[in-house]
Amino acid sequence: MGAKAALLAFSDGDLRAVLRDAVPSDVAAAEAVVREIFPGAEVTAAGDTTLEETYPPDRVTHVTVLPGATVLCDRQLVLDRPSEIPEHLLRIGAGRRIVMLGMHSVVDWLCFAVWENGRLIRSLGLSPDNGIEENIGDSFDFERPFWAGLHPVEPDPNWEDEDPYPLPFHPLQLGEEALNSLFGFTIEGALTPDSVLAEDVHMHTFRRS
């Protein structure tokens, strides 16, 4: 698996439906969001991209502002322990649903979290090196087969002395399910007829300094 993602979204309802119907957003509105998210930063427009680019370089933000949702891709916005989200982001998302999701294939790291009207209802952060760093709230339906042991990491037959994988499932496999359930698309997972086509979701790019 080579998936990487750094996503934060604010939505008024079903984010997946909004992304399926996405149209190009206004660049001025997008820049205003970046300035609000990163107060005091110098922000420079740097072209356009799509939601396929879920893991931009450091100090680069991709953003789209849609009717009913704002979605950002930025490494600084995802946390090992999502409950430590900065207070100003909760204020920005007041009255909306906030969704955070991060994955990094190099270290098999995953985090995701959902807030409803400012209340954290689910947060998970884990990796094989650090174990389960945060596990708050009831598991979502898409998680339950993983916690039930239905998706174990099978040992590599070419490594006779390999230690068992330290988690009951692979974080990136769960991450693809989380991405599909919460955002409506996947990076390496299979598409369905109602999947969001990430390459069709236009985003603006900004550099921060």
N, C-alpha and C. Protein backbone atom coordinates (compact mmCIF):
# COMPACT_ATOMS: atom_id res chain seq x y z
N MET A 1 0.84 -1.20 0.00
CA MET A 1 0.00 0.00 0.00
C MET A 1 0.87 1.25 0.00
N GLY A 2 0.50 2.24 -0.84
CA GLY A 2 1.28 3.46 -0.90
C GLY A 2 0.43 4.69 -0.65
N ALA A 3 -0.64 4.56 0.09
CA ALA A 3 -1.59 5.65 0.27
C ALA A 3 -1.09 6.66 1.30
N LYS A 4 -1.28 7.94 0.97
CA LYS A 4 -1.02 9.02 1.91
C LYS A 4 -2.16 10.02 1.79
N ALA A 5 -2.60 10.54 2.92
CA ALA A 5 -3.70 11.51 2.90
C ALA A 5 -3.58 12.42 4.10
N ALA A 6 -4.03 13.66 3.91
CA ALA A 6 -4.10 14.64 5.00
C ALA A 6 -5.30 15.52 4.73
N LEU A 7 -6.45 15.15 5.26
CA LEU A 7 -7.73 15.77 4.91
C LEU A 7 -8.44 16.32 6.13
N LEU A 8 -9.00 17.52 5.97
CA LEU A 8 -9.89 18.08 6.98
C LEU A 8 -11.07 18.71 6.25
N ALA A 9 -12.28 18.39 6.70
CA ALA A 9 -13.48 18.90 6.02
C ALA A 9 -14.46 19.46 7.03
N PHE A 10 -15.19 20.47 6.60
CA PHE A 10 -16.30 21.05 7.35
C PHE A 10 -17.53 20.93 6.44
N SER A 11 -18.57 20.30 6.93
CA SER A 11 -19.74 20.08 6.06
C SER A 11 -21.04 20.32 6.81
N ASP A 12 -22.08 20.63 6.03
CA ASP A 12 -23.40 20.85 6.60
C ASP A 12 -24.24 19.58 6.60
N GLY A 13 -23.79 18.55 5.90
CA GLY A 13 -24.54 17.30 5.82
C GLY A 13 -23.65 16.21 5.29
N ASP A 14 -24.16 15.44 4.36
CA ASP A 14 -23.42 14.31 3.81
C ASP A 14 -22.32 14.83 2.88
N LEU A 15 -21.09 14.72 3.34
CA LEU A 15 -19.95 15.22 2.57
C LEU A 15 -19.83 14.49 1.24
N ARG A 16 -20.14 13.21 1.23
CA ARG A 16 -20.01 12.43 0.00
C ARG A 16 -20.90 12.98 -1.11
N ALA A 17 -22.13 13.34 -0.76
CA ALA A 17 -23.05 13.87 -1.76
C ALA A 17 -22.55 15.21 -2.30
N VAL A 18 -22.00 16.04 -1.42
CA VAL A 18 -21.47 17.33 -1.86
C VAL A 18 -20.32 17.12 -2.84
N LEU A 19 -19.42 16.20 -2.54
CA LEU A 19 -18.26 15.97 -3.40
C LEU A 19 -18.66 15.34 -4.73
N ARG A 20 -19.68 14.51 -4.73
CA ARG A 20 -20.14 13.94 -6.00
C ARG A 20 -20.67 15.01 -6.94
N ASP A 21 -21.22 16.09 -6.37
CA ASP A 21 -21.80 17.16 -7.19
C ASP A 21 -20.90 18.38 -7.24
N ALA A 22 -19.63 18.21 -6.95
CA ALA A 22 -18.72 19.35 -6.82
C ALA A 22 -18.56 20.12 -8.12
N VAL A 23 -18.49 21.44 -7.98
CA VAL A 23 -18.18 22.34 -9.10
C VAL A 23 -16.95 23.14 -8.69
N PRO A 24 -16.23 23.75 -9.64
CA PRO A 24 -15.06 24.55 -9.27
C PRO A 24 -15.43 25.66 -8.29
N SER A 25 -14.61 25.82 -7.26
CA SER A 25 -14.89 26.83 -6.25
C SER A 25 -14.25 28.16 -6.62
N ASP A 26 -14.65 29.20 -5.91
CA ASP A 26 -14.12 30.53 -6.13
C ASP A 26 -12.77 30.67 -5.46
N VAL A 27 -11.79 31.19 -6.18
CA VAL A 27 -10.43 31.26 -5.64
C VAL A 27 -10.35 32.23 -4.46
N ALA A 28 -11.11 33.31 -4.49
CA ALA A 28 -11.08 34.26 -3.38
C ALA A 28 -11.65 33.63 -2.11
N ALA A 29 -12.73 32.86 -2.25
CA ALA A 29 -13.30 32.18 -1.09
C ALA A 29 -12.32 31.14 -0.54
N ALA A 30 -11.64 30.44 -1.45
CA ALA A 30 -10.67 29.44 -1.01
C ALA A 30 -9.51 30.09 -0.26
N GLU A 31 -9.00 31.21 -0.78
CA GLU A 31 -7.90 31.90 -0.10
C GLU A 31 -8.34 32.40 1.27
N ALA A 32 -9.56 32.89 1.37
CA ALA A 32 -10.05 33.37 2.66
C ALA A 32 -10.09 32.25 3.69
N VAL A 33 -10.45 31.04 3.26
CA VAL A 33 -10.46 29.89 4.17
C VAL A 33 -9.05 29.59 4.66
N VAL A 34 -8.08 29.57 3.77
CA VAL A 34 -6.70 29.27 4.17
C VAL A 34 -6.20 30.31 5.17
N ARG A 35 -6.51 31.58 4.95
CA ARG A 35 -6.08 32.63 5.87
C ARG A 35 -6.76 32.48 7.23
N GLU A 36 -7.99 32.02 7.23
CA GLU A 36 -8.70 31.80 8.50
C GLU A 36 -8.13 30.60 9.24
N ILE A 37 -7.81 29.55 8.50
CA ILE A 37 -7.27 28.33 9.12
C ILE A 37 -5.87 28.58 9.67
N PHE A 38 -5.07 29.38 8.94
CA PHE A 38 -3.69 29.65 9.34
C PHE A 38 -3.50 31.15 9.55
N PRO A 39 -4.05 31.69 10.64
CA PRO A 39 -3.98 33.14 10.86
C PRO A 39 -2.53 33.61 10.97
N GLY A 40 -2.24 34.71 10.30
CA GLY A 40 -0.90 35.29 10.35
C GLY A 40 0.05 34.76 9.30
N ALA A 41 -0.32 33.70 8.58
CA ALA A 41 0.56 33.14 7.56
C ALA A 41 0.52 33.99 6.30
N GLU A 42 1.64 34.04 5.60
CA GLU A 42 1.68 34.62 4.27
C GLU A 42 1.16 33.57 3.29
N VAL A 43 0.14 33.91 2.54
CA VAL A 43 -0.54 32.95 1.68
C VAL A 43 -0.41 33.41 0.23
N THR A 44 0.07 32.50 -0.62
CA THR A 44 0.28 32.81 -2.03
C THR A 44 -0.42 31.77 -2.89
N ALA A 45 -1.21 32.21 -3.84
CA ALA A 45 -1.87 31.29 -4.77
C ALA A 45 -0.83 30.57 -5.61
N ALA A 46 -1.04 29.26 -5.83
CA ALA A 46 -0.05 28.45 -6.55
C ALA A 46 -0.71 27.50 -7.54
N GLY A 47 -1.80 27.95 -8.15
CA GLY A 47 -2.40 27.13 -9.21
C GLY A 47 -3.57 26.30 -8.74
N ASP A 48 -3.82 25.23 -9.48
CA ASP A 48 -4.98 24.38 -9.25
C ASP A 48 -4.56 22.92 -9.23
N THR A 49 -5.39 22.10 -8.59
CA THR A 49 -5.16 20.66 -8.54
C THR A 49 -6.52 19.98 -8.39
N THR A 50 -6.51 18.73 -8.00
CA THR A 50 -7.75 18.01 -7.74
C THR A 50 -7.64 17.25 -6.43
N LEU A 51 -8.73 16.64 -6.02
CA LEU A 51 -8.76 15.89 -4.77
C LEU A 51 -7.93 14.62 -4.85
N GLU A 52 -7.45 14.26 -6.02
CA GLU A 52 -6.51 13.14 -6.11
C GLU A 52 -5.24 13.42 -5.32
N GLU A 53 -4.86 14.70 -5.23
CA GLU A 53 -3.63 15.10 -4.53
C GLU A 53 -3.96 15.29 -3.06
N THR A 54 -4.06 14.18 -2.34
CA THR A 54 -4.52 14.23 -0.95
C THR A 54 -3.41 14.53 0.05
N TYR A 55 -2.16 14.56 -0.40
CA TYR A 55 -1.05 14.74 0.54
C TYR A 55 -0.04 15.73 -0.05
N PRO A 56 -0.35 17.03 0.02
CA PRO A 56 0.53 18.02 -0.59
C PRO A 56 1.84 18.16 0.17
N PRO A 57 2.82 18.82 -0.43
CA PRO A 57 4.09 19.06 0.27
C PRO A 57 3.87 19.90 1.53
N ASP A 58 4.89 19.94 2.36
CA ASP A 58 4.83 20.72 3.59
C ASP A 58 4.57 22.19 3.27
N ARG A 59 3.71 22.82 4.08
CA ARG A 59 3.35 24.23 3.95
C ARG A 59 2.64 24.54 2.63
N VAL A 60 1.96 23.56 2.10
CA VAL A 60 1.10 23.74 0.93
C VAL A 60 -0.30 23.25 1.30
N THR A 61 -1.30 24.03 0.92
CA THR A 61 -2.70 23.70 1.21
C THR A 61 -3.48 23.60 -0.08
N HIS A 62 -4.23 22.52 -0.25
CA HIS A 62 -5.23 22.42 -1.31
C HIS A 62 -6.59 22.63 -0.67
N VAL A 63 -7.46 23.38 -1.31
CA VAL A 63 -8.76 23.67 -0.70
C VAL A 63 -9.82 23.85 -1.78
N THR A 64 -11.03 23.39 -1.46
CA THR A 64 -12.20 23.70 -2.27
C THR A 64 -13.32 24.14 -1.35
N VAL A 65 -14.04 25.17 -1.77
CA VAL A 65 -15.17 25.69 -1.01
C VAL A 65 -16.42 25.44 -1.86
N LEU A 66 -17.28 24.55 -1.38
CA LEU A 66 -18.45 24.11 -2.13
C LEU A 66 -19.73 24.47 -1.38
N PRO A 67 -20.86 24.53 -2.06
CA PRO A 67 -22.13 24.70 -1.34
C PRO A 67 -22.34 23.54 -0.37
N GLY A 68 -22.21 23.80 0.89
CA GLY A 68 -22.42 22.76 1.89
C GLY A 68 -21.18 22.13 2.46
N ALA A 69 -19.99 22.48 1.96
CA ALA A 69 -18.78 21.86 2.50
C ALA A 69 -17.53 22.62 2.08
N THR A 70 -16.53 22.56 2.94
CA THR A 70 -15.18 23.03 2.64
C THR A 70 -14.23 21.89 2.93
N VAL A 71 -13.34 21.58 1.99
CA VAL A 71 -12.40 20.47 2.15
C VAL A 71 -10.99 21.00 1.93
N LEU A 72 -10.09 20.63 2.86
CA LEU A 72 -8.69 21.02 2.77
C LEU A 72 -7.80 19.79 2.82
N CYS A 73 -6.70 19.84 2.07
CA CYS A 73 -5.63 18.85 2.18
C CYS A 73 -4.39 19.60 2.66
N ASP A 74 -3.89 19.23 3.83
CA ASP A 74 -2.73 19.91 4.41
C ASP A 74 -2.17 19.04 5.52
N ARG A 75 -0.87 18.77 5.48
CA ARG A 75 -0.26 17.88 6.47
C ARG A 75 -0.41 18.41 7.90
N GLN A 76 -0.43 19.73 8.04
CA GLN A 76 -0.48 20.31 9.38
C GLN A 76 -1.83 20.12 10.05
N LEU A 77 -2.84 19.72 9.29
CA LEU A 77 -4.20 19.65 9.82
C LEU A 77 -4.59 18.26 10.31
N VAL A 78 -3.69 17.28 10.24
CA VAL A 78 -4.01 15.95 10.75
C VAL A 78 -3.06 15.62 11.90
N LEU A 79 -3.58 14.93 12.91
CA LEU A 79 -2.86 14.74 14.17
C LEU A 79 -2.86 13.29 14.59
N ASP A 80 -1.78 12.86 15.25
CA ASP A 80 -1.74 11.51 15.82
C ASP A 80 -2.91 11.29 16.78
N ARG A 81 -3.20 12.31 17.57
CA ARG A 81 -4.34 12.28 18.49
C ARG A 81 -5.31 13.37 18.04
N PRO A 82 -6.28 13.03 17.23
CA PRO A 82 -7.16 14.05 16.66
C PRO A 82 -7.89 14.90 17.69
N SER A 83 -8.10 14.37 18.89
CA SER A 83 -8.80 15.15 19.92
C SER A 83 -8.05 16.41 20.30
N GLU A 84 -6.78 16.52 19.92
CA GLU A 84 -5.97 17.70 20.23
C GLU A 84 -6.11 18.78 19.15
N ILE A 85 -7.14 18.70 18.34
CA ILE A 85 -7.40 19.70 17.31
C ILE A 85 -7.39 21.10 17.92
N PRO A 86 -6.75 22.07 17.28
CA PRO A 86 -6.74 23.43 17.81
C PRO A 86 -8.16 24.00 17.98
N GLU A 87 -8.34 24.77 19.03
CA GLU A 87 -9.66 25.31 19.34
C GLU A 87 -10.21 26.18 18.21
N HIS A 88 -9.33 26.91 17.52
CA HIS A 88 -9.86 27.81 16.49
C HIS A 88 -10.48 27.03 15.32
N LEU A 89 -10.02 25.77 15.11
CA LEU A 89 -10.65 24.96 14.06
C LEU A 89 -12.04 24.52 14.48
N LEU A 90 -12.22 24.24 15.76
CA LEU A 90 -13.56 23.91 16.24
C LEU A 90 -14.48 25.12 16.12
N ARG A 91 -13.95 26.31 16.36
CA ARG A 91 -14.78 27.52 16.21
C ARG A 91 -15.15 27.72 14.75
N ILE A 92 -14.20 27.51 13.85
CA ILE A 92 -14.49 27.66 12.42
C ILE A 92 -15.58 26.68 11.98
N GLY A 93 -15.54 25.49 12.56
CA GLY A 93 -16.51 24.46 12.20
C GLY A 93 -17.76 24.45 13.06
N ALA A 94 -17.98 25.48 13.86
CA ALA A 94 -19.13 25.51 14.76
C ALA A 94 -20.43 25.30 13.99
N GLY A 95 -21.25 24.37 14.47
CA GLY A 95 -22.53 24.08 13.84
C GLY A 95 -22.43 23.16 12.64
N ARG A 96 -21.23 22.71 12.29
CA ARG A 96 -21.03 21.86 11.13
C ARG A 96 -20.41 20.54 11.57
N ARG A 97 -20.36 19.61 10.66
CA ARG A 97 -19.65 18.35 10.89
C ARG A 97 -18.20 18.55 10.48
N ILE A 98 -17.28 18.16 11.34
CA ILE A 98 -15.85 18.24 11.05
C ILE A 98 -15.32 16.82 10.91
N VAL A 99 -14.59 16.58 9.83
CA VAL A 99 -14.02 15.25 9.59
C VAL A 99 -12.52 15.40 9.32
N MET A 100 -11.72 14.67 10.06
CA MET A 100 -10.26 14.64 9.88
C MET A 100 -9.86 13.23 9.48
N LEU A 101 -8.95 13.11 8.51
CA LEU A 101 -8.42 11.80 8.15
C LEU A 101 -6.98 11.95 7.66
N GLY A 102 -6.10 11.15 8.24
CA GLY A 102 -4.70 11.13 7.82
C GLY A 102 -4.20 9.71 7.66
N MET A 103 -3.39 9.47 6.63
CA MET A 103 -2.75 8.17 6.41
C MET A 103 -1.34 8.42 5.89
N HIS A 104 -0.42 7.53 6.27
CA HIS A 104 0.93 7.60 5.72
C HIS A 104 1.46 6.17 5.56
N SER A 105 1.71 5.78 4.32
CA SER A 105 2.05 4.39 4.03
C SER A 105 3.44 4.00 4.52
N VAL A 106 4.36 4.95 4.66
CA VAL A 106 5.73 4.62 5.06
C VAL A 106 5.76 4.02 6.46
N VAL A 107 4.90 4.54 7.35
CA VAL A 107 4.89 4.06 8.74
C VAL A 107 3.57 3.38 9.11
N ASP A 108 2.72 3.10 8.12
CA ASP A 108 1.42 2.45 8.37
C ASP A 108 0.61 3.21 9.41
N TRP A 109 0.59 4.53 9.30
CA TRP A 109 -0.11 5.37 10.28
C TRP A 109 -1.49 5.76 9.77
N LEU A 110 -2.43 5.82 10.70
CA LEU A 110 -3.80 6.23 10.38
C LEU A 110 -4.38 7.05 11.51
N CYS A 111 -5.08 8.10 11.16
CA CYS A 111 -5.95 8.77 12.13
C CYS A 111 -7.23 9.16 11.42
N PHE A 112 -8.32 9.16 12.14
CA PHE A 112 -9.54 9.78 11.64
C PHE A 112 -10.40 10.17 12.83
N ALA A 113 -11.24 11.18 12.61
CA ALA A 113 -12.10 11.66 13.69
C ALA A 113 -13.27 12.42 13.10
N VAL A 114 -14.36 12.45 13.86
CA VAL A 114 -15.57 13.18 13.46
C VAL A 114 -16.09 13.94 14.67
N TRP A 115 -16.40 15.23 14.44
CA TRP A 115 -17.06 16.08 15.43
C TRP A 115 -18.42 16.48 14.88
N GLU A 116 -19.41 16.48 15.73
CA GLU A 116 -20.75 16.96 15.36
C GLU A 116 -21.10 18.11 16.28
N ASN A 117 -21.31 19.30 15.69
CA ASN A 117 -21.65 20.49 16.48
C ASN A 117 -20.66 20.72 17.61
N GLY A 118 -19.38 20.53 17.32
CA GLY A 118 -18.32 20.78 18.29
C GLY A 118 -18.04 19.64 19.24
N ARG A 119 -18.81 18.57 19.18
CA ARG A 119 -18.62 17.44 20.10
C ARG A 119 -17.92 16.30 19.37
N LEU A 120 -16.82 15.84 19.93
CA LEU A 120 -16.09 14.72 19.34
C LEU A 120 -16.88 13.44 19.56
N ILE A 121 -17.27 12.78 18.46
CA ILE A 121 -18.03 11.55 18.60
C ILE A 121 -17.19 10.31 18.30
N ARG A 122 -16.09 10.47 17.57
CA ARG A 122 -15.23 9.32 17.29
C ARG A 122 -13.84 9.82 16.92
N SER A 123 -12.82 9.19 17.50
CA SER A 123 -11.43 9.52 17.16
C SER A 123 -10.58 8.27 17.30
N LEU A 124 -9.74 8.05 16.29
CA LEU A 124 -8.83 6.90 16.31
C LEU A 124 -7.50 7.34 15.73
N GLY A 125 -6.43 6.98 16.41
CA GLY A 125 -5.09 7.22 15.90
C GLY A 125 -4.21 6.04 16.26
N LEU A 126 -3.54 5.43 15.26
CA LEU A 126 -2.75 4.24 15.54
C LEU A 126 -1.70 4.01 14.46
N SER A 127 -0.67 3.26 14.86
CA SER A 127 0.38 2.82 13.94
C SER A 127 1.06 1.63 14.59
N PRO A 128 1.75 0.79 13.82
CA PRO A 128 2.41 -0.36 14.42
C PRO A 128 3.53 0.02 15.38
N ASP A 129 4.20 1.13 15.15
CA ASP A 129 5.29 1.53 16.03
C ASP A 129 4.79 2.08 17.36
N ASN A 130 3.72 2.85 17.32
CA ASN A 130 3.23 3.52 18.53
C ASN A 130 1.96 2.91 19.11
N GLY A 131 1.42 1.90 18.44
CA GLY A 131 0.21 1.26 18.94
C GLY A 131 -1.00 2.17 18.77
N ILE A 132 -2.01 1.92 19.59
CA ILE A 132 -3.24 2.72 19.55
C ILE A 132 -3.03 3.93 20.44
N GLU A 133 -2.83 5.08 19.81
CA GLU A 133 -2.55 6.31 20.56
C GLU A 133 -3.83 6.98 21.04
N GLU A 134 -4.92 6.78 20.31
CA GLU A 134 -6.18 7.37 20.73
C GLU A 134 -7.32 6.52 20.20
N ASN A 135 -8.30 6.27 21.03
CA ASN A 135 -9.47 5.47 20.65
C ASN A 135 -10.65 5.97 21.47
N ILE A 136 -11.36 6.96 20.94
CA ILE A 136 -12.43 7.64 21.67
C ILE A 136 -13.75 7.43 20.93
N GLY A 137 -14.79 7.11 21.68
CA GLY A 137 -16.12 6.97 21.10
C GLY A 137 -16.37 5.58 20.55
N ASP A 138 -17.59 5.36 20.14
CA ASP A 138 -17.99 4.05 19.60
C ASP A 138 -17.48 3.90 18.17
N SER A 139 -17.07 2.69 17.84
CA SER A 139 -16.60 2.39 16.49
C SER A 139 -17.71 2.61 15.47
N PHE A 140 -17.35 3.12 14.30
CA PHE A 140 -18.29 3.22 13.20
C PHE A 140 -18.54 1.83 12.61
N ASP A 141 -19.61 1.69 11.86
CA ASP A 141 -19.95 0.39 11.28
C ASP A 141 -18.83 -0.16 10.42
N PHE A 142 -18.17 0.71 9.64
CA PHE A 142 -17.13 0.21 8.74
C PHE A 142 -15.91 -0.32 9.48
N GLU A 143 -15.77 0.05 10.76
CA GLU A 143 -14.62 -0.41 11.56
C GLU A 143 -14.83 -1.80 12.16
N ARG A 144 -16.05 -2.14 12.44
CA ARG A 144 -16.32 -3.28 13.31
C ARG A 144 -15.74 -4.60 12.80
N PRO A 145 -15.78 -4.89 11.49
CA PRO A 145 -15.13 -6.13 11.05
C PRO A 145 -13.63 -6.17 11.34
N PHE A 146 -12.99 -5.02 11.36
CA PHE A 146 -11.56 -4.97 11.65
C PHE A 146 -11.29 -5.28 13.11
N TRP A 147 -12.06 -4.66 13.99
CA TRP A 147 -11.87 -4.93 15.42
C TRP A 147 -12.29 -6.36 15.77
N ALA A 148 -13.18 -6.94 14.98
CA ALA A 148 -13.62 -8.31 15.23
C ALA A 148 -12.63 -9.35 14.72
N GLY A 149 -11.53 -8.91 14.15
CA GLY A 149 -10.50 -9.84 13.70
C GLY A 149 -10.71 -10.43 12.33
N LEU A 150 -11.57 -9.80 11.52
CA LEU A 150 -11.87 -10.35 10.20
C LEU A 150 -10.88 -9.92 9.12
N HIS A 151 -9.97 -9.01 9.47
CA HIS A 151 -8.98 -8.54 8.50
C HIS A 151 -7.57 -8.57 9.10
N PRO A 152 -7.12 -9.73 9.55
CA PRO A 152 -5.78 -9.79 10.15
C PRO A 152 -4.69 -9.60 9.09
N VAL A 153 -3.51 -9.17 9.53
CA VAL A 153 -2.35 -9.05 8.65
C VAL A 153 -1.65 -10.40 8.63
N GLU A 154 -1.69 -11.06 7.50
CA GLU A 154 -1.10 -12.39 7.39
C GLU A 154 0.43 -12.30 7.35
N PRO A 155 1.12 -13.22 8.01
CA PRO A 155 2.59 -13.19 7.98
C PRO A 155 3.13 -13.44 6.58
N ASP A 156 4.26 -12.84 6.28
CA ASP A 156 4.92 -13.04 4.99
C ASP A 156 5.64 -14.39 5.01
N PRO A 157 5.29 -15.31 4.13
CA PRO A 157 5.92 -16.64 4.15
C PRO A 157 7.42 -16.59 3.85
N ASN A 158 7.90 -15.50 3.30
CA ASN A 158 9.33 -15.37 3.01
C ASN A 158 10.15 -14.92 4.21
N TRP A 159 9.46 -14.61 5.31
CA TRP A 159 10.15 -14.16 6.52
C TRP A 159 9.78 -15.11 7.66
N GLU A 160 10.59 -16.14 7.85
CA GLU A 160 10.26 -17.18 8.84
C GLU A 160 10.29 -16.64 10.26
N ASP A 161 11.18 -15.70 10.55
CA ASP A 161 11.32 -15.18 11.91
C ASP A 161 10.57 -13.87 12.13
N GLU A 162 9.67 -13.56 11.24
CA GLU A 162 8.94 -12.29 11.35
C GLU A 162 8.01 -12.32 12.56
N ASP A 163 8.06 -11.24 13.35
CA ASP A 163 7.14 -11.12 14.48
C ASP A 163 5.72 -10.87 13.98
N PRO A 164 4.72 -11.28 14.74
CA PRO A 164 3.33 -10.98 14.34
C PRO A 164 3.11 -9.48 14.23
N TYR A 165 2.26 -9.08 13.31
CA TYR A 165 1.96 -7.66 13.16
C TYR A 165 1.36 -7.16 14.47
N PRO A 166 1.82 -6.02 14.97
CA PRO A 166 1.44 -5.59 16.32
C PRO A 166 0.02 -5.04 16.46
N LEU A 167 -0.73 -4.96 15.37
CA LEU A 167 -2.11 -4.50 15.44
C LEU A 167 -3.03 -5.58 14.85
N PRO A 168 -4.29 -5.59 15.23
CA PRO A 168 -5.20 -6.65 14.74
C PRO A 168 -5.59 -6.50 13.27
N PHE A 169 -5.15 -5.43 12.62
CA PHE A 169 -5.45 -5.19 11.20
C PHE A 169 -4.43 -4.19 10.68
N HIS A 170 -4.40 -4.03 9.37
CA HIS A 170 -3.48 -3.06 8.79
C HIS A 170 -4.15 -1.68 8.79
N PRO A 171 -3.50 -0.66 9.36
CA PRO A 171 -4.13 0.67 9.42
C PRO A 171 -4.54 1.22 8.07
N LEU A 172 -3.75 0.97 7.03
CA LEU A 172 -4.10 1.54 5.73
C LEU A 172 -5.31 0.85 5.11
N GLN A 173 -5.50 -0.42 5.42
CA GLN A 173 -6.70 -1.09 4.93
C GLN A 173 -7.95 -0.49 5.58
N LEU A 174 -7.88 -0.27 6.89
CA LEU A 174 -8.98 0.41 7.56
C LEU A 174 -9.10 1.84 7.06
N GLY A 175 -7.96 2.48 6.78
CA GLY A 175 -7.98 3.85 6.30
C GLY A 175 -8.74 4.01 5.00
N GLU A 176 -8.58 3.05 4.09
CA GLU A 176 -9.33 3.12 2.83
C GLU A 176 -10.83 3.01 3.09
N GLU A 177 -11.21 2.16 4.04
CA GLU A 177 -12.64 2.04 4.38
C GLU A 177 -13.14 3.34 5.00
N ALA A 178 -12.32 3.95 5.86
CA ALA A 178 -12.71 5.22 6.48
C ALA A 178 -12.84 6.32 5.43
N LEU A 179 -11.89 6.38 4.51
CA LEU A 179 -11.91 7.38 3.46
C LEU A 179 -13.17 7.23 2.60
N ASN A 180 -13.50 6.00 2.26
CA ASN A 180 -14.68 5.75 1.45
C ASN A 180 -15.96 6.10 2.20
N SER A 181 -16.03 5.74 3.47
CA SER A 181 -17.24 5.98 4.24
C SER A 181 -17.43 7.47 4.56
N LEU A 182 -16.34 8.16 4.87
CA LEU A 182 -16.44 9.54 5.32
C LEU A 182 -16.37 10.56 4.19
N PHE A 183 -15.60 10.25 3.14
CA PHE A 183 -15.40 11.19 2.04
C PHE A 183 -15.97 10.69 0.71
N GLY A 184 -16.22 9.39 0.59
CA GLY A 184 -16.84 8.87 -0.61
C GLY A 184 -15.90 8.44 -1.70
N PHE A 185 -14.57 8.44 -1.45
CA PHE A 185 -13.62 7.97 -2.46
C PHE A 185 -12.52 7.19 -1.78
N THR A 186 -11.69 6.54 -2.57
CA THR A 186 -10.54 5.81 -2.05
C THR A 186 -9.31 6.20 -2.84
N ILE A 187 -8.15 5.86 -2.28
CA ILE A 187 -6.88 6.09 -2.97
C ILE A 187 -6.45 4.83 -3.71
N GLU A 188 -6.51 3.70 -3.02
CA GLU A 188 -6.12 2.43 -3.64
C GLU A 188 -7.24 1.40 -3.62
N GLY A 189 -8.36 1.73 -3.02
CA GLY A 189 -9.47 0.79 -2.95
C GLY A 189 -10.31 0.79 -4.21
N ALA A 190 -11.22 -0.16 -4.29
CA ALA A 190 -12.08 -0.31 -5.46
C ALA A 190 -13.17 0.76 -5.47
N LEU A 191 -13.51 1.24 -6.67
CA LEU A 191 -14.59 2.20 -6.83
C LEU A 191 -15.93 1.47 -6.91
N THR A 192 -16.98 2.16 -6.52
CA THR A 192 -18.34 1.67 -6.66
C THR A 192 -19.10 2.65 -7.56
N PRO A 193 -20.29 2.26 -8.05
CA PRO A 193 -21.03 3.17 -8.94
C PRO A 193 -21.31 4.54 -8.35
N ASP A 194 -21.41 4.65 -7.02
CA ASP A 194 -21.70 5.95 -6.42
C ASP A 194 -20.47 6.60 -5.81
N SER A 195 -19.27 6.11 -6.14
CA SER A 195 -18.04 6.70 -5.61
C SER A 195 -17.84 8.12 -6.12
N VAL A 196 -17.23 8.95 -5.26
CA VAL A 196 -16.75 10.25 -5.69
C VAL A 196 -15.53 10.03 -6.58
N LEU A 197 -15.49 10.72 -7.71
CA LEU A 197 -14.32 10.67 -8.58
C LEU A 197 -13.40 11.81 -8.18
N ALA A 198 -12.36 11.47 -7.42
CA ALA A 198 -11.51 12.51 -6.84
C ALA A 198 -10.88 13.39 -7.91
N GLU A 199 -10.61 12.82 -9.07
CA GLU A 199 -9.98 13.61 -10.14
C GLU A 199 -10.93 14.67 -10.71
N ASP A 200 -12.22 14.57 -10.39
CA ASP A 200 -13.18 15.55 -10.89
C ASP A 200 -13.46 16.66 -9.88
N VAL A 201 -12.88 16.56 -8.68
CA VAL A 201 -13.11 17.58 -7.65
C VAL A 201 -11.98 18.59 -7.72
N HIS A 202 -12.28 19.77 -8.25
CA HIS A 202 -11.29 20.83 -8.44
C HIS A 202 -10.92 21.45 -7.10
N MET A 203 -9.62 21.75 -6.93
CA MET A 203 -9.14 22.41 -5.71
C MET A 203 -8.14 23.49 -6.09
N HIS A 204 -8.06 24.52 -5.24
CA HIS A 204 -7.05 25.56 -5.39
C HIS A 204 -5.86 25.23 -4.51
N THR A 205 -4.68 25.61 -4.95
CA THR A 205 -3.44 25.37 -4.21
C THR A 205 -2.87 26.69 -3.71
N PHE A 206 -2.43 26.69 -2.44
CA PHE A 206 -1.80 27.86 -1.84
C PHE A 206 -0.54 27.45 -1.10
N ARG A 207 0.47 28.28 -1.19
CA ARG A 207 1.69 28.09 -0.40
C ARG A 207 1.62 29.01 0.82
N ARG A 208 2.16 28.51 1.93
CA ARG A 208 2.15 29.29 3.18
C ARG A 208 3.58 29.53 3.64
N SER A 209 3.82 30.70 4.19
CA SER A 209 5.13 31.00 4.76
C SER A 209 4.98 31.86 6.01
